[in-house]
Amino acid sequence: MSLNPQERKATIRELQANFALTGLSLAEVATDLGTTEGTIQTVLNLETRHINNPWILRAYLIEKLEEQGIQPVPFSRLVGDPEDYWFLDANLIHNGQIEA
């Protein structure tokens, strides 16, 4: 999935807004996803080399917000089911395995 500059900025804002809404720290998210704070920050800024990582973080953030009864900020580009996208590894995403 290729994003133009405006879509990229919007997706970064959406990821960061949903992260902020969770009230969780980078350390808590990193622990839950079995990675480092630096890797989570990289994904939040869409600087990751792994195309699945933003989708993994998206799913995690939505789950945490729903557990708290908080409505997530809608995503404009990371939408739908990862299984509908041939280029994503849906199993990896559903298992929440962030790649470093």
N, C-alpha and C. Protein backbone atom coordinates (compact mmCIF):
# COMPACT_ATOMS: atom_id res chain seq x y z
N MET A 1 0.86 -1.17 0.00
CA MET A 1 0.00 0.00 0.00
C MET A 1 0.90 1.23 0.00
N SER A 2 0.72 2.03 -0.97
CA SER A 2 1.52 3.23 -1.11
C SER A 2 0.66 4.44 -0.75
N LEU A 3 1.21 5.29 0.08
CA LEU A 3 0.49 6.48 0.51
C LEU A 3 1.13 7.72 -0.09
N ASN A 4 0.31 8.66 -0.54
CA ASN A 4 0.86 9.93 -0.98
C ASN A 4 1.18 10.76 0.26
N PRO A 5 1.87 11.89 0.12
CA PRO A 5 2.28 12.66 1.31
C PRO A 5 1.11 13.06 2.22
N GLN A 6 -0.01 13.44 1.66
CA GLN A 6 -1.16 13.84 2.48
C GLN A 6 -1.74 12.64 3.23
N GLU A 7 -1.83 11.50 2.56
CA GLU A 7 -2.34 10.29 3.20
C GLU A 7 -1.40 9.83 4.30
N ARG A 8 -0.12 9.96 4.05
CA ARG A 8 0.89 9.59 5.05
C ARG A 8 0.74 10.44 6.31
N LYS A 9 0.63 11.76 6.12
CA LYS A 9 0.46 12.66 7.27
C LYS A 9 -0.81 12.35 8.03
N ALA A 10 -1.89 12.09 7.30
CA ALA A 10 -3.17 11.77 7.95
C ALA A 10 -3.06 10.47 8.75
N THR A 11 -2.41 9.48 8.19
CA THR A 11 -2.27 8.19 8.87
C THR A 11 -1.41 8.32 10.12
N ILE A 12 -0.36 9.11 10.04
CA ILE A 12 0.48 9.37 11.22
C ILE A 12 -0.36 10.04 12.30
N ARG A 13 -1.13 11.05 11.93
CA ARG A 13 -1.99 11.75 12.90
C ARG A 13 -3.00 10.78 13.52
N GLU A 14 -3.57 9.92 12.71
CA GLU A 14 -4.58 8.98 13.20
C GLU A 14 -3.97 7.96 14.17
N LEU A 15 -2.81 7.43 13.82
CA LEU A 15 -2.13 6.49 14.73
C LEU A 15 -1.79 7.18 16.04
N GLN A 16 -1.21 8.38 15.96
CA GLN A 16 -0.79 9.09 17.16
C GLN A 16 -1.99 9.52 18.01
N ALA A 17 -3.07 9.93 17.37
CA ALA A 17 -4.27 10.33 18.11
C ALA A 17 -4.86 9.13 18.86
N ASN A 18 -4.93 8.00 18.21
CA ASN A 18 -5.47 6.81 18.87
C ASN A 18 -4.54 6.33 19.98
N PHE A 19 -3.25 6.42 19.76
CA PHE A 19 -2.29 6.07 20.82
C PHE A 19 -2.54 6.97 22.04
N ALA A 20 -2.66 8.27 21.82
CA ALA A 20 -2.88 9.20 22.92
C ALA A 20 -4.18 8.88 23.66
N LEU A 21 -5.21 8.53 22.93
CA LEU A 21 -6.51 8.22 23.55
C LEU A 21 -6.44 7.01 24.47
N THR A 22 -5.54 6.07 24.20
CA THR A 22 -5.45 4.87 25.04
C THR A 22 -4.97 5.19 26.44
N GLY A 23 -4.17 6.26 26.57
CA GLY A 23 -3.59 6.59 27.87
C GLY A 23 -2.42 5.69 28.24
N LEU A 24 -2.01 4.84 27.32
CA LEU A 24 -0.89 3.92 27.57
C LEU A 24 0.43 4.60 27.25
N SER A 25 1.48 4.11 27.88
CA SER A 25 2.83 4.61 27.58
C SER A 25 3.42 3.80 26.43
N LEU A 26 4.47 4.34 25.83
CA LEU A 26 5.20 3.59 24.81
C LEU A 26 5.69 2.26 25.37
N ALA A 27 6.15 2.30 26.62
CA ALA A 27 6.67 1.08 27.26
C ALA A 27 5.59 0.02 27.38
N GLU A 28 4.37 0.43 27.77
CA GLU A 28 3.28 -0.54 27.91
C GLU A 28 2.91 -1.16 26.57
N VAL A 29 2.82 -0.33 25.55
CA VAL A 29 2.48 -0.84 24.21
C VAL A 29 3.58 -1.78 23.72
N ALA A 30 4.83 -1.36 23.90
CA ALA A 30 5.96 -2.18 23.46
C ALA A 30 5.95 -3.55 24.15
N THR A 31 5.71 -3.55 25.44
CA THR A 31 5.66 -4.81 26.18
C THR A 31 4.54 -5.70 25.66
N ASP A 32 3.36 -5.12 25.48
CA ASP A 32 2.22 -5.90 24.98
C ASP A 32 2.48 -6.49 23.61
N LEU A 33 3.21 -5.76 22.76
CA LEU A 33 3.46 -6.21 21.39
C LEU A 33 4.82 -6.90 21.24
N GLY A 34 5.52 -7.10 22.35
CA GLY A 34 6.77 -7.84 22.32
C GLY A 34 7.88 -7.17 21.56
N THR A 35 7.98 -5.86 21.70
CA THR A 35 9.01 -5.12 20.97
C THR A 35 9.55 -4.00 21.85
N THR A 36 10.22 -3.05 21.25
CA THR A 36 10.82 -1.95 22.01
C THR A 36 10.02 -0.66 21.84
N GLU A 37 10.25 0.27 22.75
CA GLU A 37 9.62 1.59 22.64
C GLU A 37 10.03 2.27 21.34
N GLY A 38 11.29 2.12 20.97
CA GLY A 38 11.79 2.73 19.73
C GLY A 38 11.06 2.20 18.51
N THR A 39 10.80 0.91 18.50
CA THR A 39 10.07 0.33 17.37
C THR A 39 8.65 0.87 17.31
N ILE A 40 8.00 0.99 18.45
CA ILE A 40 6.63 1.54 18.48
C ILE A 40 6.65 2.98 17.98
N GLN A 41 7.61 3.76 18.41
CA GLN A 41 7.70 5.15 17.95
C GLN A 41 7.93 5.20 16.44
N THR A 42 8.75 4.30 15.94
CA THR A 42 9.00 4.22 14.50
C THR A 42 7.71 3.92 13.74
N VAL A 43 6.91 3.01 14.27
CA VAL A 43 5.64 2.67 13.62
C VAL A 43 4.67 3.85 13.70
N LEU A 44 4.61 4.51 14.85
CA LEU A 44 3.73 5.68 15.00
C LEU A 44 4.06 6.77 13.99
N ASN A 45 5.32 6.85 13.60
CA ASN A 45 5.77 7.86 12.64
C ASN A 45 5.82 7.32 11.21
N LEU A 46 5.32 6.10 11.01
CA LEU A 46 5.35 5.43 9.70
C LEU A 46 6.75 5.40 9.09
N GLU A 47 7.72 5.14 9.93
CA GLU A 47 9.11 5.03 9.47
C GLU A 47 9.57 3.58 9.46
N THR A 48 8.66 2.66 9.64
CA THR A 48 8.98 1.23 9.67
C THR A 48 9.18 0.68 8.27
N ARG A 49 10.03 -0.32 8.16
CA ARG A 49 10.26 -0.99 6.87
C ARG A 49 9.22 -2.07 6.62
N HIS A 50 8.51 -2.46 7.64
CA HIS A 50 7.59 -3.60 7.57
C HIS A 50 6.15 -3.12 7.40
N ILE A 51 5.57 -3.44 6.28
CA ILE A 51 4.23 -2.95 5.91
C ILE A 51 3.14 -3.43 6.87
N ASN A 52 3.35 -4.55 7.54
CA ASN A 52 2.35 -5.07 8.47
C ASN A 52 2.30 -4.30 9.78
N ASN A 53 3.41 -3.69 10.18
CA ASN A 53 3.50 -3.07 11.50
C ASN A 53 2.43 -2.00 11.77
N PRO A 54 2.16 -1.08 10.85
CA PRO A 54 1.10 -0.10 11.14
C PRO A 54 -0.27 -0.77 11.34
N TRP A 55 -0.51 -1.83 10.61
CA TRP A 55 -1.78 -2.56 10.75
C TRP A 55 -1.85 -3.28 12.10
N ILE A 56 -0.72 -3.81 12.56
CA ILE A 56 -0.67 -4.46 13.86
C ILE A 56 -0.94 -3.44 14.96
N LEU A 57 -0.28 -2.29 14.87
CA LEU A 57 -0.48 -1.25 15.87
C LEU A 57 -1.92 -0.74 15.82
N ARG A 58 -2.45 -0.55 14.63
CA ARG A 58 -3.84 -0.11 14.47
C ARG A 58 -4.79 -1.05 15.19
N ALA A 59 -4.66 -2.36 14.94
CA ALA A 59 -5.53 -3.35 15.57
C ALA A 59 -5.40 -3.31 17.09
N TYR A 60 -4.18 -3.20 17.56
CA TYR A 60 -3.93 -3.14 19.00
C TYR A 60 -4.59 -1.92 19.62
N LEU A 61 -4.39 -0.75 19.00
CA LEU A 61 -4.95 0.49 19.55
C LEU A 61 -6.48 0.44 19.56
N ILE A 62 -7.06 -0.04 18.49
CA ILE A 62 -8.53 -0.15 18.43
C ILE A 62 -9.03 -1.08 19.53
N GLU A 63 -8.36 -2.20 19.71
CA GLU A 63 -8.77 -3.15 20.76
C GLU A 63 -8.71 -2.50 22.14
N LYS A 64 -7.61 -1.80 22.43
CA LYS A 64 -7.45 -1.17 23.74
C LYS A 64 -8.49 -0.07 23.96
N LEU A 65 -8.78 0.69 22.92
CA LEU A 65 -9.79 1.75 23.05
C LEU A 65 -11.18 1.15 23.27
N GLU A 66 -11.50 0.12 22.54
CA GLU A 66 -12.81 -0.53 22.69
C GLU A 66 -12.97 -1.13 24.08
N GLU A 67 -11.88 -1.68 24.64
CA GLU A 67 -11.92 -2.22 26.00
C GLU A 67 -12.27 -1.14 27.02
N GLN A 68 -11.87 0.11 26.71
CA GLN A 68 -12.12 1.24 27.62
C GLN A 68 -13.42 1.96 27.28
N GLY A 69 -14.12 1.50 26.26
CA GLY A 69 -15.36 2.15 25.85
C GLY A 69 -15.13 3.48 25.16
N ILE A 70 -13.96 3.65 24.56
CA ILE A 70 -13.60 4.88 23.86
C ILE A 70 -13.71 4.66 22.36
N GLN A 71 -14.34 5.60 21.69
CA GLN A 71 -14.47 5.54 20.23
C GLN A 71 -13.13 5.91 19.58
N PRO A 72 -12.55 5.03 18.78
CA PRO A 72 -11.28 5.35 18.12
C PRO A 72 -11.46 6.46 17.08
N VAL A 73 -10.39 7.20 16.86
CA VAL A 73 -10.35 8.14 15.75
C VAL A 73 -10.36 7.28 14.49
N PRO A 74 -11.26 7.54 13.54
CA PRO A 74 -11.32 6.71 12.33
C PRO A 74 -10.03 6.79 11.51
N PHE A 75 -9.68 5.69 10.91
CA PHE A 75 -8.54 5.65 10.01
C PHE A 75 -9.03 5.89 8.59
N SER A 76 -8.32 6.72 7.86
CA SER A 76 -8.72 7.05 6.50
C SER A 76 -8.13 6.09 5.47
N ARG A 77 -6.96 5.52 5.74
CA ARG A 77 -6.31 4.62 4.79
C ARG A 77 -6.14 3.21 5.32
N LEU A 78 -5.93 3.04 6.60
CA LEU A 78 -5.79 1.70 7.18
C LEU A 78 -7.19 1.21 7.52
N VAL A 79 -7.92 0.81 6.49
CA VAL A 79 -9.33 0.46 6.66
C VAL A 79 -9.59 -0.98 6.19
N GLY A 80 -10.63 -1.55 6.75
CA GLY A 80 -11.04 -2.88 6.33
C GLY A 80 -10.29 -3.99 7.04
N ASP A 81 -10.44 -5.16 6.50
CA ASP A 81 -9.83 -6.36 7.06
C ASP A 81 -8.51 -6.62 6.35
N PRO A 82 -7.43 -6.81 7.11
CA PRO A 82 -6.14 -7.09 6.48
C PRO A 82 -6.17 -8.28 5.53
N GLU A 83 -7.08 -9.21 5.76
CA GLU A 83 -7.18 -10.38 4.88
C GLU A 83 -7.63 -10.01 3.47
N ASP A 84 -8.19 -8.82 3.32
CA ASP A 84 -8.65 -8.36 2.01
C ASP A 84 -7.51 -7.79 1.16
N TYR A 85 -6.35 -7.63 1.76
CA TYR A 85 -5.20 -7.04 1.06
C TYR A 85 -4.16 -8.13 0.82
N TRP A 86 -3.91 -8.45 -0.43
CA TRP A 86 -3.00 -9.54 -0.77
C TRP A 86 -1.58 -9.31 -0.27
N PHE A 87 -1.18 -8.07 -0.10
CA PHE A 87 0.20 -7.75 0.26
C PHE A 87 0.44 -7.77 1.77
N LEU A 88 -0.60 -7.98 2.56
CA LEU A 88 -0.44 -8.04 4.02
C LEU A 88 -0.44 -9.48 4.50
N ASP A 89 0.26 -9.72 5.61
CA ASP A 89 0.27 -11.03 6.25
C ASP A 89 -0.78 -11.00 7.37
N ALA A 90 -1.99 -11.41 7.04
CA ALA A 90 -3.11 -11.33 7.99
C ALA A 90 -2.84 -12.12 9.26
N ASN A 91 -2.18 -13.26 9.17
CA ASN A 91 -1.88 -14.05 10.36
C ASN A 91 -0.94 -13.29 11.29
N LEU A 92 0.07 -12.68 10.74
CA LEU A 92 1.01 -11.89 11.53
C LEU A 92 0.28 -10.74 12.21
N ILE A 93 -0.59 -10.08 11.47
CA ILE A 93 -1.34 -8.95 12.02
C ILE A 93 -2.28 -9.41 13.13
N HIS A 94 -3.03 -10.47 12.90
CA HIS A 94 -3.97 -10.96 13.91
C HIS A 94 -3.25 -11.48 15.15
N ASN A 95 -2.02 -11.95 14.98
CA ASN A 95 -1.24 -12.43 16.13
C ASN A 95 -0.52 -11.31 16.86
N GLY A 96 -0.54 -10.10 16.30
CA GLY A 96 0.08 -8.95 16.95
C GLY A 96 1.58 -9.04 17.07
N GLN A 97 2.23 -9.54 16.04
CA GLN A 97 3.68 -9.72 16.06
C GLN A 97 4.38 -8.59 15.31
N ILE A 98 4.78 -7.57 16.05
CA ILE A 98 5.51 -6.44 15.45
C ILE A 98 6.89 -6.92 15.02
N GLU A 99 7.27 -6.55 13.81
CA GLU A 99 8.61 -6.88 13.31
C GLU A 99 9.54 -5.71 13.59
N ALA A 100 10.72 -6.02 14.10
CA ALA A 100 11.69 -4.96 14.44
C ALA A 100 12.45 -4.50 13.21
